[in-house]
Amino acid sequence: MSATTADRDEFVRLTDPYRRELLAHCYRMLGSVDEAEDLVQETYLRAWRSYDGYEGRASLRTWLHRIATNTCLTALESRARRPLPSGLGGPAEAPEEPLTAPLTDVPWLQPLPDALVDPANVVAARGSLRLALVAALQNLPARQRAVLILRDVLAWRAAEVASLLGTSTAAVKSSLQRARARLEEVAPEEDLVAEPEGAADREVLDRYVAAFENADLDSLIDLLQDGVELEMPPFAQWYSGRADVLRFLRARVHEKGTLRMLRTRANGQPAVAMYVRGAGGVFRGHSVQVLTVRKDSLARVTAFLDPRVLDRFGLPKELS
């Protein structure tokens, strides 16, 4: 028993530093924080069961990523892709009209709180965690997805990927070419490239927060790009263009003091949690909004209209 306990303690000490990195890897594969956390647990369980056979032929990090990738590929055999509304159809019209019923049967893409990932990993891999890229990855077959992530994000050699997938180096290179071509079809290049965070990003976030809390939507005009997009899972409708986005907001934001915002971060991007004033003056959780800032203005707002998302960010459900 003491030997088993000592082995387990050694296993935990050596492998635990990779837990958050593996979470980011599984999230890229699945598009779900909840499922990624479950698969990381499964990865560690599989790793512990086979730890006696680990002989150091590969680095511990590589060994764990091999197990995690195989775990994700197995899980993806029985899971549908996780889209955002913009991945299901074209933009909606009549933004002043009420939203239709939410699509509760769609396994929507989830945002990844930066707090769940090592800060150094967020900075180094910000582009690979961006919401637009993770959404685009969901359009790839599972094995193509794995090839692209292992080659372009983790910088594995083609031979290493081929060994993991049980295929040839030539097949891996071909799969990578097809994956890159597919990404170019489903997501503009500018959506997949992260600009360095700076004072301009923080200024955009401050102006965005102030506009909503003060119900001053006129101040948003210069903040929104001409082609700005607004999507709100679990609702299928989404809107494109400054005019339609402002029409949608003007129909819903009227009175100063009815909204409060808490700053946070998700997918390596600025984000806010929105709270709406209700009975008794209590502000109740409404959404988490991930902002895409490009050239000092907003290119996209993805608002996850499910108060349960707040739990993943460790944020309160109510504010007094």
C-alpha atoms as a PDB file:
ATOM      1  CA  MET A   1       0.000   0.000   0.000  1.00  0.00           C
ATOM      2  CA  SER A   2       2.799   2.430   0.887  1.00  0.00           C
ATOM      3  CA  ALA A   3       4.514   1.731  -2.435  1.00  0.00           C
ATOM      4  CA  THR A   4       1.258   2.349  -4.312  1.00  0.00           C
ATOM      5  CA  THR A   5       0.691   5.577  -2.413  1.00  0.00           C
ATOM      6  CA  ALA A   6       4.235   6.720  -3.158  1.00  0.00           C
ATOM      7  CA  ASP A   7       3.801   5.938  -6.850  1.00  0.00           C
ATOM      8  CA  ARG A   8       0.530   7.851  -6.952  1.00  0.00           C
ATOM      9  CA  ASP A   9       2.076  10.848  -5.207  1.00  0.00           C
ATOM     10  CA  GLU A  10       4.925  10.842  -7.716  1.00  0.00           C
ATOM     11  CA  PHE A  11       2.442  10.578 -10.602  1.00  0.00           C
ATOM     12  CA  VAL A  12       0.435  13.551  -9.313  1.00  0.00           C
ATOM     13  CA  ARG A  13       3.565  15.635  -8.730  1.00  0.00           C
ATOM     14  CA  LEU A  14       4.908  14.997 -12.214  1.00  0.00           C
ATOM     15  CA  THR A  15       1.688  15.235 -14.224  1.00  0.00           C
ATOM     16  CA  ASP A  16      -0.372  17.884 -12.446  1.00  0.00           C
ATOM     17  CA  PRO A  17       1.579  20.842 -13.965  1.00  0.00           C
ATOM     18  CA  TYR A  18       0.159  19.844 -17.373  1.00  0.00           C
ATOM     19  CA  ARG A  19      -3.497  19.795 -16.314  1.00  0.00           C
ATOM     20  CA  ARG A  20      -4.438  23.275 -17.531  1.00  0.00           C
ATOM     21  CA  GLU A  21      -2.538  22.825 -20.774  1.00  0.00           C
ATOM     22  CA  LEU A  22      -4.426  19.595 -21.393  1.00  0.00           C
ATOM     23  CA  LEU A  23      -7.703  21.369 -20.640  1.00  0.00           C
ATOM     24  CA  ALA A  24      -6.930  23.908 -23.383  1.00  0.00           C
ATOM     25  CA  HIS A  25      -6.067  21.065 -25.767  1.00  0.00           C
ATOM     26  CA  CYS A  26      -9.297  19.167 -25.090  1.00  0.00           C
ATOM     27  CA  TYR A  27     -11.288  22.402 -25.350  1.00  0.00           C
ATOM     28  CA  ARG A  28      -9.880  23.079 -28.825  1.00  0.00           C
ATOM     29  CA  MET A  29     -10.896  19.582 -29.832  1.00  0.00           C
ATOM     30  CA  LEU A  30     -14.398  19.585 -28.285  1.00  0.00           C
ATOM     31  CA  GLY A  31     -15.450  23.258 -28.097  1.00  0.00           C
ATOM     32  CA  SER A  32     -16.891  22.595 -24.625  1.00  0.00           C
ATOM     33  CA  VAL A  33     -15.373  23.477 -21.263  1.00  0.00           C
ATOM     34  CA  ASP A  34     -17.605  20.971 -19.474  1.00  0.00           C
ATOM     35  CA  GLU A  35     -16.644  18.110 -21.758  1.00  0.00           C
ATOM     36  CA  ALA A  36     -12.987  19.160 -21.793  1.00  0.00           C
ATOM     37  CA  GLU A  37     -12.852  18.961 -18.002  1.00  0.00           C
ATOM     38  CA  ASP A  38     -14.390  15.481 -18.091  1.00  0.00           C
ATOM     39  CA  LEU A  39     -11.926  14.327 -20.741  1.00  0.00           C
ATOM     40  CA  VAL A  40      -8.948  15.684 -18.814  1.00  0.00           C
ATOM     41  CA  GLN A  41     -10.103  13.575 -15.875  1.00  0.00           C
ATOM     42  CA  GLU A  42     -10.386  10.581 -18.190  1.00  0.00           C
ATOM     43  CA  THR A  43      -6.909  11.329 -19.563  1.00  0.00           C
ATOM     44  CA  TYR A  44      -5.410  11.267 -16.086  1.00  0.00           C
ATOM     45  CA  LEU A  45      -7.237   8.070 -15.240  1.00  0.00           C
ATOM     46  CA  ARG A  46      -5.911   6.379 -18.388  1.00  0.00           C
ATOM     47  CA  ALA A  47      -2.430   7.753 -17.737  1.00  0.00           C
ATOM     48  CA  TRP A  48      -2.395   6.425 -14.165  1.00  0.00           C
ATOM     49  CA  ARG A  49      -3.540   2.988 -15.305  1.00  0.00           C
ATOM     50  CA  SER A  50      -0.706   2.785 -17.828  1.00  0.00           C
ATOM     51  CA  TYR A  51       1.914   4.656 -15.793  1.00  0.00           C
ATOM     52  CA  ASP A  52       3.863   1.488 -15.061  1.00  0.00           C
ATOM     53  CA  GLY A  53       4.447   1.117 -18.776  1.00  0.00           C
ATOM     54  CA  TYR A  54       5.692   4.676 -19.267  1.00  0.00           C
ATOM     55  CA  GLU A  55       9.422   4.309 -19.810  1.00  0.00           C
ATOM     56  CA  GLY A  56      10.354   7.840 -20.796  1.00  0.00           C
ATOM     57  CA  ARG A  57      10.690   7.130 -24.512  1.00  0.00           C
ATOM     58  CA  ALA A  58       8.767  10.385 -25.048  1.00  0.00           C
ATOM     59  CA  SER A  59       8.530  13.408 -22.796  1.00  0.00           C
ATOM     60  CA  LEU A  60       5.818  13.245 -20.141  1.00  0.00           C
ATOM     61  CA  ARG A  61       4.084  16.204 -21.786  1.00  0.00           C
ATOM     62  CA  THR A  62       3.999  14.448 -25.162  1.00  0.00           C
ATOM     63  CA  TRP A  63       2.816  11.214 -23.570  1.00  0.00           C
ATOM     64  CA  LEU A  64      -0.075  12.970 -21.823  1.00  0.00           C
ATOM     65  CA  HIS A  65      -1.062  14.814 -25.001  1.00  0.00           C
ATOM     66  CA  ARG A  66      -1.110  11.512 -26.885  1.00  0.00           C
ATOM     67  CA  ILE A  67      -3.513  10.060 -24.331  1.00  0.00           C
ATOM     68  CA  ALA A  68      -5.646  13.234 -24.296  1.00  0.00           C
ATOM     69  CA  THR A  69      -5.872  13.314 -28.106  1.00  0.00           C
ATOM     70  CA  ASN A  70      -6.969   9.694 -28.298  1.00  0.00           C
ATOM     71  CA  THR A  71      -9.484  10.316 -25.515  1.00  0.00           C
ATOM     72  CA  CYS A  72     -10.926  13.264 -27.452  1.00  0.00           C
ATOM     73  CA  LEU A  73     -11.083  11.312 -30.715  1.00  0.00           C
ATOM     74  CA  THR A  74     -13.013   8.543 -28.992  1.00  0.00           C
ATOM     75  CA  ALA A  75     -15.424  11.078 -27.478  1.00  0.00           C
ATOM     76  CA  LEU A  76     -15.966  12.802 -30.832  1.00  0.00           C
ATOM     77  CA  GLU A  77     -17.216   9.570 -32.388  1.00  0.00           C
ATOM     78  CA  SER A  78     -20.541  10.119 -30.624  1.00  0.00           C
ATOM     79  CA  ARG A  79     -20.744  13.925 -30.480  1.00  0.00           C
ATOM     80  CA  ALA A  80     -22.061  16.496 -32.929  1.00  0.00           C
ATOM     81  CA  ARG A  81     -20.061  19.607 -33.715  1.00  0.00           C
ATOM     82  CA  ARG A  82     -20.547  22.651 -31.495  1.00  0.00           C
ATOM     83  CA  PRO A  83     -21.495  25.699 -33.606  1.00  0.00           C
ATOM     84  CA  LEU A  84     -22.167  29.351 -32.994  1.00  0.00           C
ATOM     85  CA  PRO A  85     -25.317  30.868 -34.557  1.00  0.00           C
ATOM     86  CA  SER A  86     -23.303  32.316 -37.446  1.00  0.00           C
ATOM     87  CA  GLY A  87     -22.288  28.760 -38.335  1.00  0.00           C
ATOM     88  CA  LEU A  88     -25.889  27.658 -38.887  1.00  0.00           C
ATOM     89  CA  GLY A  89     -27.131  30.168 -41.449  1.00  0.00           C
ATOM     90  CA  GLY A  90     -27.175  33.750 -42.635  1.00  0.00           C
ATOM     91  CA  PRO A  91     -27.883  36.853 -40.534  1.00  0.00           C
ATOM     92  CA  ALA A  92     -31.432  37.605 -39.450  1.00  0.00           C
ATOM     93  CA  GLU A  93     -33.557  40.576 -40.426  1.00  0.00           C
ATOM     94  CA  ALA A  94     -35.954  42.759 -38.415  1.00  0.00           C
ATOM     95  CA  PRO A  95     -33.657  43.225 -35.387  1.00  0.00           C
ATOM     96  CA  GLU A  96     -36.369  45.088 -33.433  1.00  0.00           C
ATOM     97  CA  GLU A  97     -38.551  41.996 -33.244  1.00  0.00           C
ATOM     98  CA  PRO A  98     -38.358  39.606 -30.263  1.00  0.00           C
ATOM     99  CA  LEU A  99     -36.011  36.664 -30.497  1.00  0.00           C
ATOM    100  CA  THR A 100     -37.597  33.328 -31.281  1.00  0.00           C
ATOM    101  CA  ALA A 101     -37.396  30.438 -28.831  1.00  0.00           C
ATOM    102  CA  PRO A 102     -33.866  29.309 -27.934  1.00  0.00           C
ATOM    103  CA  LEU A 103     -32.555  26.168 -29.594  1.00  0.00           C
ATOM    104  CA  THR A 104     -32.011  23.985 -26.550  1.00  0.00           C
ATOM    105  CA  ASP A 105     -31.239  20.874 -28.582  1.00  0.00           C
ATOM    106  CA  VAL A 106     -28.129  22.388 -30.207  1.00  0.00           C
ATOM    107  CA  PRO A 107     -24.812  21.626 -28.433  1.00  0.00           C
ATOM    108  CA  TRP A 108     -23.561  25.220 -28.583  1.00  0.00           C
ATOM    109  CA  LEU A 109     -19.903  26.176 -28.466  1.00  0.00           C
ATOM    110  CA  GLN A 110     -18.889  27.320 -24.972  1.00  0.00           C
ATOM    111  CA  PRO A 111     -16.492  30.128 -23.973  1.00  0.00           C
ATOM    112  CA  LEU A 112     -13.277  29.246 -22.140  1.00  0.00           C
ATOM    113  CA  PRO A 113     -12.521  31.433 -19.101  1.00  0.00           C
ATOM    114  CA  ASP A 114      -8.887  32.567 -19.164  1.00  0.00           C
ATOM    115  CA  ALA A 115      -8.700  31.754 -15.452  1.00  0.00           C
ATOM    116  CA  LEU A 116      -8.873  28.028 -16.286  1.00  0.00           C
ATOM    117  CA  VAL A 117      -5.729  28.183 -18.413  1.00  0.00           C
ATOM    118  CA  ASP A 118      -2.188  29.010 -17.322  1.00  0.00           C
ATOM    119  CA  PRO A 119      -1.572  32.740 -17.972  1.00  0.00           C
ATOM    120  CA  ALA A 120       1.621  31.948 -19.890  1.00  0.00           C
ATOM    121  CA  ASN A 121      -0.313  29.522 -22.101  1.00  0.00           C
ATOM    122  CA  VAL A 122      -3.015  32.105 -22.786  1.00  0.00           C
ATOM    123  CA  VAL A 123      -0.425  34.640 -23.929  1.00  0.00           C
ATOM    124  CA  ALA A 124       1.617  32.179 -25.984  1.00  0.00           C
ATOM    125  CA  ALA A 125      -1.384  30.489 -27.598  1.00  0.00           C
ATOM    126  CA  ARG A 126      -3.939  33.300 -27.626  1.00  0.00           C
ATOM    127  CA  GLY A 127      -4.588  32.870 -31.326  1.00  0.00           C
ATOM    128  CA  SER A 128      -5.272  29.151 -30.914  1.00  0.00           C
ATOM    129  CA  LEU A 129      -7.872  29.774 -28.204  1.00  0.00           C
ATOM    130  CA  ARG A 130      -9.779  32.536 -29.938  1.00  0.00           C
ATOM    131  CA  LEU A 131     -13.500  31.911 -30.173  1.00  0.00           C
ATOM    132  CA  ALA A 132     -13.502  32.278 -33.963  1.00  0.00           C
ATOM    133  CA  LEU A 133     -10.790  29.655 -34.396  1.00  0.00           C
ATOM    134  CA  VAL A 134     -12.350  27.155 -31.977  1.00  0.00           C
ATOM    135  CA  ALA A 135     -15.667  27.604 -33.803  1.00  0.00           C
ATOM    136  CA  ALA A 136     -13.945  27.085 -37.148  1.00  0.00           C
ATOM    137  CA  LEU A 137     -12.211  23.944 -35.880  1.00  0.00           C
ATOM    138  CA  GLN A 138     -15.619  22.393 -35.225  1.00  0.00           C
ATOM    139  CA  ASN A 139     -16.158  22.254 -38.997  1.00  0.00           C
ATOM    140  CA  LEU A 140     -13.261  19.835 -39.439  1.00  0.00           C
ATOM    141  CA  PRO A 141     -13.539  16.052 -39.188  1.00  0.00           C
ATOM    142  CA  ALA A 142     -12.152  14.891 -35.856  1.00  0.00           C
ATOM    143  CA  ARG A 143      -8.876  13.494 -37.175  1.00  0.00           C
ATOM    144  CA  GLN A 144      -8.220  16.566 -39.330  1.00  0.00           C
ATOM    145  CA  ARG A 145      -8.902  18.681 -36.263  1.00  0.00           C
ATOM    146  CA  ALA A 146      -6.369  16.681 -34.288  1.00  0.00           C
ATOM    147  CA  VAL A 147      -3.764  16.944 -37.049  1.00  0.00           C
ATOM    148  CA  LEU A 148      -4.111  20.706 -37.317  1.00  0.00           C
ATOM    149  CA  ILE A 149      -3.949  21.265 -33.552  1.00  0.00           C
ATOM    150  CA  LEU A 150      -0.987  18.951 -33.053  1.00  0.00           C
ATOM    151  CA  ARG A 151       0.961  20.408 -35.985  1.00  0.00           C
ATOM    152  CA  ASP A 152       0.065  24.105 -35.912  1.00  0.00           C
ATOM    153  CA  VAL A 153      -0.579  24.667 -32.191  1.00  0.00           C
ATOM    154  CA  LEU A 154       1.611  22.132 -30.396  1.00  0.00           C
ATOM    155  CA  ALA A 155       4.265  22.100 -33.148  1.00  0.00           C
ATOM    156  CA  TRP A 156       4.544  18.312 -33.305  1.00  0.00           C
ATOM    157  CA  ARG A 157       6.532  16.805 -36.152  1.00  0.00           C
ATOM    158  CA  ALA A 158       4.523  15.094 -38.869  1.00  0.00           C
ATOM    159  CA  ALA A 159       6.087  11.751 -37.961  1.00  0.00           C
ATOM    160  CA  GLU A 160       4.932  12.130 -34.336  1.00  0.00           C
ATOM    161  CA  VAL A 161       1.365  12.832 -35.439  1.00  0.00           C
ATOM    162  CA  ALA A 162       1.453   9.913 -37.847  1.00  0.00           C
ATOM    163  CA  SER A 163       2.606   7.604 -35.052  1.00  0.00           C
ATOM    164  CA  LEU A 164      -0.226   8.755 -32.775  1.00  0.00           C
ATOM    165  CA  LEU A 165      -2.900   8.352 -35.447  1.00  0.00           C
ATOM    166  CA  GLY A 166      -1.521   5.134 -36.894  1.00  0.00           C
ATOM    167  CA  THR A 167      -1.068   6.566 -40.372  1.00  0.00           C
ATOM    168  CA  SER A 168       1.709   7.741 -42.676  1.00  0.00           C
ATOM    169  CA  THR A 169       3.612  11.012 -42.654  1.00  0.00           C
ATOM    170  CA  ALA A 170       2.348  11.721 -46.170  1.00  0.00           C
ATOM    171  CA  ALA A 171      -1.242  11.243 -45.002  1.00  0.00           C
ATOM    172  CA  VAL A 172      -0.673  13.650 -42.123  1.00  0.00           C
ATOM    173  CA  LYS A 173       0.715  16.325 -44.458  1.00  0.00           C
ATOM    174  CA  SER A 174      -2.224  15.888 -46.828  1.00  0.00           C
ATOM    175  CA  SER A 175      -4.715  16.068 -43.958  1.00  0.00           C
ATOM    176  CA  LEU A 176      -3.072  19.252 -42.687  1.00  0.00           C
ATOM    177  CA  GLN A 177      -3.371  20.900 -46.110  1.00  0.00           C
ATOM    178  CA  ARG A 178      -7.070  20.030 -46.304  1.00  0.00           C
ATOM    179  CA  ALA A 179      -7.678  21.287 -42.766  1.00  0.00           C
ATOM    180  CA  ARG A 180      -5.987  24.621 -43.459  1.00  0.00           C
ATOM    181  CA  ALA A 181      -7.950  25.040 -46.685  1.00  0.00           C
ATOM    182  CA  ARG A 182     -11.217  24.324 -44.887  1.00  0.00           C
ATOM    183  CA  LEU A 183     -10.417  26.889 -42.194  1.00  0.00           C
ATOM    184  CA  GLU A 184      -9.883  29.528 -44.862  1.00  0.00           C
ATOM    185  CA  GLU A 185     -13.363  28.748 -46.221  1.00  0.00           C
ATOM    186  CA  VAL A 186     -15.246  28.994 -42.910  1.00  0.00           C
ATOM    187  CA  ALA A 187     -13.368  31.823 -41.163  1.00  0.00           C
ATOM    188  CA  PRO A 188     -11.673  34.962 -42.542  1.00  0.00           C
ATOM    189  CA  GLU A 189      -7.960  35.075 -41.791  1.00  0.00           C
ATOM    190  CA  GLU A 190      -8.353  38.230 -39.687  1.00  0.00           C
ATOM    191  CA  ASP A 191     -10.708  36.303 -37.375  1.00  0.00           C
ATOM    192  CA  LEU A 192      -8.007  33.747 -36.657  1.00  0.00           C
ATOM    193  CA  VAL A 193      -5.159  36.130 -35.856  1.00  0.00           C
ATOM    194  CA  ALA A 194      -4.883  37.658 -32.397  1.00  0.00           C
ATOM    195  CA  GLU A 195      -3.707  41.229 -32.139  1.00  0.00           C
ATOM    196  CA  PRO A 196      -1.484  42.005 -29.145  1.00  0.00           C
ATOM    197  CA  GLU A 197      -3.480  43.202 -26.181  1.00  0.00           C
ATOM    198  CA  GLY A 198      -2.800  46.773 -25.168  1.00  0.00           C
ATOM    199  CA  ALA A 199      -4.215  50.007 -23.820  1.00  0.00           C
ATOM    200  CA  ALA A 200      -6.466  50.334 -26.879  1.00  0.00           C
ATOM    201  CA  ASP A 201      -8.226  47.057 -26.046  1.00  0.00           C
ATOM    202  CA  ARG A 202      -8.839  48.197 -22.493  1.00  0.00           C
ATOM    203  CA  GLU A 203     -10.180  51.522 -23.767  1.00  0.00           C
ATOM    204  CA  VAL A 204     -12.625  49.729 -26.082  1.00  0.00           C
ATOM    205  CA  LEU A 205     -13.784  47.578 -23.172  1.00  0.00           C
ATOM    206  CA  ASP A 206     -14.225  50.612 -20.898  1.00  0.00           C
ATOM    207  CA  ARG A 207     -16.266  52.446 -23.523  1.00  0.00           C
ATOM    208  CA  TYR A 208     -18.403  49.361 -24.139  1.00  0.00           C
ATOM    209  CA  VAL A 209     -19.158  48.957 -20.440  1.00  0.00           C
ATOM    210  CA  ALA A 210     -19.938  52.663 -20.002  1.00  0.00           C
ATOM    211  CA  ALA A 211     -22.286  52.708 -22.996  1.00  0.00           C
ATOM    212  CA  PHE A 212     -24.445  49.920 -21.577  1.00  0.00           C
ATOM    213  CA  GLU A 213     -24.426  51.022 -17.954  1.00  0.00           C
ATOM    214  CA  ASN A 214     -25.383  54.554 -18.997  1.00  0.00           C
ATOM    215  CA  ALA A 215     -27.818  53.410 -21.720  1.00  0.00           C
ATOM    216  CA  ASP A 216     -25.809  55.663 -24.049  1.00  0.00           C
ATOM    217  CA  LEU A 217     -25.916  53.640 -27.229  1.00  0.00           C
ATOM    218  CA  ASP A 218     -25.057  56.646 -29.377  1.00  0.00           C
ATOM    219  CA  SER A 219     -21.527  56.333 -28.016  1.00  0.00           C
ATOM    220  CA  LEU A 220     -21.354  52.851 -29.539  1.00  0.00           C
ATOM    221  CA  ILE A 221     -21.566  54.183 -33.084  1.00  0.00           C
ATOM    222  CA  ASP A 222     -17.860  54.957 -33.329  1.00  0.00           C
ATOM    223  CA  LEU A 223     -16.989  51.821 -31.354  1.00  0.00           C
ATOM    224  CA  LEU A 224     -18.666  49.346 -33.725  1.00  0.00           C
ATOM    225  CA  GLN A 225     -17.091  48.472 -37.044  1.00  0.00           C
ATOM    226  CA  ASP A 226     -19.223  48.714 -40.164  1.00  0.00           C
ATOM    227  CA  GLY A 227     -19.375  44.929 -40.460  1.00  0.00           C
ATOM    228  CA  VAL A 228     -19.742  44.180 -36.753  1.00  0.00           C
ATOM    229  CA  GLU A 229     -21.565  40.955 -35.907  1.00  0.00           C
ATOM    230  CA  LEU A 230     -23.721  40.116 -32.885  1.00  0.00           C
ATOM    231  CA  GLU A 231     -24.661  36.535 -32.037  1.00  0.00           C
ATOM    232  CA  MET A 232     -26.383  35.202 -28.936  1.00  0.00           C
ATOM    233  CA  PRO A 233     -26.464  31.457 -28.364  1.00  0.00           C
ATOM    234  CA  PRO A 234     -28.735  29.662 -27.567  1.00  0.00           C
ATOM    235  CA  PHE A 235     -30.760  31.823 -29.989  1.00  0.00           C
ATOM    236  CA  ALA A 236     -30.267  31.106 -33.679  1.00  0.00           C
ATOM    237  CA  GLN A 237     -30.713  34.725 -34.817  1.00  0.00           C
ATOM    238  CA  TRP A 238     -27.605  36.796 -35.317  1.00  0.00           C
ATOM    239  CA  TYR A 239     -27.100  40.228 -36.851  1.00  0.00           C
ATOM    240  CA  SER A 240     -24.494  41.684 -39.146  1.00  0.00           C
ATOM    241  CA  GLY A 241     -23.651  45.324 -39.788  1.00  0.00           C
ATOM    242  CA  ARG A 242     -23.540  48.360 -37.533  1.00  0.00           C
ATOM    243  CA  ALA A 243     -27.045  49.524 -38.466  1.00  0.00           C
ATOM    244  CA  ASP A 244     -28.792  46.255 -37.595  1.00  0.00           C
ATOM    245  CA  VAL A 245     -26.783  45.703 -34.417  1.00  0.00           C
ATOM    246  CA  LEU A 246     -27.653  49.197 -33.183  1.00  0.00           C
ATOM    247  CA  ARG A 247     -31.325  48.677 -34.091  1.00  0.00           C
ATOM    248  CA  PHE A 248     -31.320  45.490 -32.025  1.00  0.00           C
ATOM    249  CA  LEU A 249     -29.742  47.218 -29.025  1.00  0.00           C
ATOM    250  CA  ARG A 250     -31.892  50.357 -29.196  1.00  0.00           C
ATOM    251  CA  ALA A 251     -35.014  48.199 -28.998  1.00  0.00           C
ATOM    252  CA  ARG A 252     -33.808  46.701 -25.708  1.00  0.00           C
ATOM    253  CA  VAL A 253     -31.592  49.169 -23.820  1.00  0.00           C
ATOM    254  CA  HIS A 254     -33.472  52.257 -22.642  1.00  0.00           C
ATOM    255  CA  GLU A 255     -32.826  53.315 -19.060  1.00  0.00           C
ATOM    256  CA  LYS A 256     -29.582  54.214 -17.307  1.00  0.00           C
ATOM    257  CA  GLY A 257     -28.864  52.069 -14.274  1.00  0.00           C
ATOM    258  CA  THR A 258     -30.727  48.946 -15.419  1.00  0.00           C
ATOM    259  CA  LEU A 259     -27.538  47.114 -16.414  1.00  0.00           C
ATOM    260  CA  ARG A 260     -24.271  46.381 -14.660  1.00  0.00           C
ATOM    261  CA  MET A 261     -21.164  44.848 -16.178  1.00  0.00           C
ATOM    262  CA  LEU A 262     -18.252  42.942 -14.667  1.00  0.00           C
ATOM    263  CA  ARG A 263     -15.039  42.704 -16.660  1.00  0.00           C
ATOM    264  CA  THR A 264     -13.519  39.297 -17.271  1.00  0.00           C
ATOM    265  CA  ARG A 265     -11.630  37.436 -20.011  1.00  0.00           C
ATOM    266  CA  ALA A 266     -12.400  34.435 -22.192  1.00  0.00           C
ATOM    267  CA  ASN A 267     -10.550  32.709 -25.028  1.00  0.00           C
ATOM    268  CA  GLY A 268      -7.712  35.185 -24.652  1.00  0.00           C
ATOM    269  CA  GLN A 269     -10.139  38.018 -25.453  1.00  0.00           C
ATOM    270  CA  PRO A 270     -11.785  40.786 -23.410  1.00  0.00           C
ATOM    271  CA  ALA A 271     -15.187  39.814 -22.048  1.00  0.00           C
ATOM    272  CA  VAL A 272     -17.918  41.116 -19.756  1.00  0.00           C
ATOM    273  CA  ALA A 273     -20.618  39.582 -17.618  1.00  0.00           C
ATOM    274  CA  MET A 274     -23.910  41.467 -17.902  1.00  0.00           C
ATOM    275  CA  TYR A 275     -26.434  41.761 -15.055  1.00  0.00           C
ATOM    276  CA  VAL A 276     -29.995  43.112 -15.421  1.00  0.00           C
ATOM    277  CA  ARG A 277     -31.815  44.924 -12.597  1.00  0.00           C
ATOM    278  CA  GLY A 278     -34.887  43.083 -11.382  1.00  0.00           C
ATOM    279  CA  ALA A 279     -37.342  43.210  -8.501  1.00  0.00           C
ATOM    280  CA  GLY A 280     -35.987  44.794  -5.353  1.00  0.00           C
ATOM    281  CA  GLY A 281     -33.131  46.394  -7.221  1.00  0.00           C
ATOM    282  CA  VAL A 282     -31.196  43.114  -7.419  1.00  0.00           C
ATOM    283  CA  PHE A 283     -29.105  42.667 -10.556  1.00  0.00           C
ATOM    284  CA  ARG A 284     -29.417  39.130 -11.916  1.00  0.00           C
ATOM    285  CA  GLY A 285     -26.971  37.424 -14.244  1.00  0.00           C
ATOM    286  CA  HIS A 286     -27.928  37.721 -17.898  1.00  0.00           C
ATOM    287  CA  SER A 287     -24.986  36.780 -20.121  1.00  0.00           C
ATOM    288  CA  VAL A 288     -21.261  36.573 -20.684  1.00  0.00           C
ATOM    289  CA  GLN A 289     -20.147  38.493 -23.757  1.00  0.00           C
ATOM    290  CA  VAL A 290     -16.867  37.765 -25.537  1.00  0.00           C
ATOM    291  CA  LEU A 291     -15.600  40.733 -27.541  1.00  0.00           C
ATOM    292  CA  THR A 292     -13.511  40.589 -30.697  1.00  0.00           C
ATOM    293  CA  VAL A 293     -11.464  43.790 -30.893  1.00  0.00           C
ATOM    294  CA  ARG A 294      -9.797  44.606 -34.171  1.00  0.00           C
ATOM    295  CA  LYS A 295      -7.982  47.840 -34.941  1.00  0.00           C
ATOM    296  CA  ASP A 296      -9.284  49.646 -31.856  1.00  0.00           C
ATOM    297  CA  SER A 297     -12.953  48.841 -32.470  1.00  0.00           C
ATOM    298  CA  LEU A 298     -15.418  45.981 -32.086  1.00  0.00           C
ATOM    299  CA  ALA A 299     -15.676  43.437 -34.888  1.00  0.00           C
ATOM    300  CA  ARG A 300     -17.888  40.905 -33.101  1.00  0.00           C
ATOM    301  CA  VAL A 301     -19.839  40.433 -29.885  1.00  0.00           C
ATOM    302  CA  THR A 302     -20.698  36.868 -28.919  1.00  0.00           C
ATOM    303  CA  ALA A 303     -23.162  36.985 -26.036  1.00  0.00           C
ATOM    304  CA  PHE A 304     -23.809  33.677 -24.287  1.00  0.00           C
ATOM    305  CA  LEU A 305     -27.342  34.239 -22.979  1.00  0.00           C
ATOM    306  CA  ASP A 306     -27.318  31.569 -20.319  1.00  0.00           C
ATOM    307  CA  PRO A 307     -26.775  32.661 -16.694  1.00  0.00           C
ATOM    308  CA  ARG A 308     -25.256  29.241 -15.969  1.00  0.00           C
ATOM    309  CA  VAL A 309     -22.181  30.352 -17.918  1.00  0.00           C
ATOM    310  CA  LEU A 310     -21.389  32.646 -14.985  1.00  0.00           C
ATOM    311  CA  ASP A 311     -20.602  29.586 -12.863  1.00  0.00           C
ATOM    312  CA  ARG A 312     -17.752  28.609 -15.162  1.00  0.00           C
ATOM    313  CA  PHE A 313     -16.230  32.058 -14.673  1.00  0.00           C
ATOM    314  CA  GLY A 314     -16.619  31.947 -10.894  1.00  0.00           C
ATOM    315  CA  LEU A 315     -18.904  34.973 -11.051  1.00  0.00           C
ATOM    316  CA  PRO A 316     -21.934  35.629  -8.816  1.00  0.00           C
ATOM    317  CA  LYS A 317     -25.417  35.015 -10.140  1.00  0.00           C
ATOM    318  CA  GLU A 318     -26.688  38.218  -8.513  1.00  0.00           C
ATOM    319  CA  LEU A 319     -25.347  41.647  -7.575  1.00  0.00           C
ATOM    320  CA  SER A 320     -26.937  43.821  -4.924  1.00  0.00           C
END
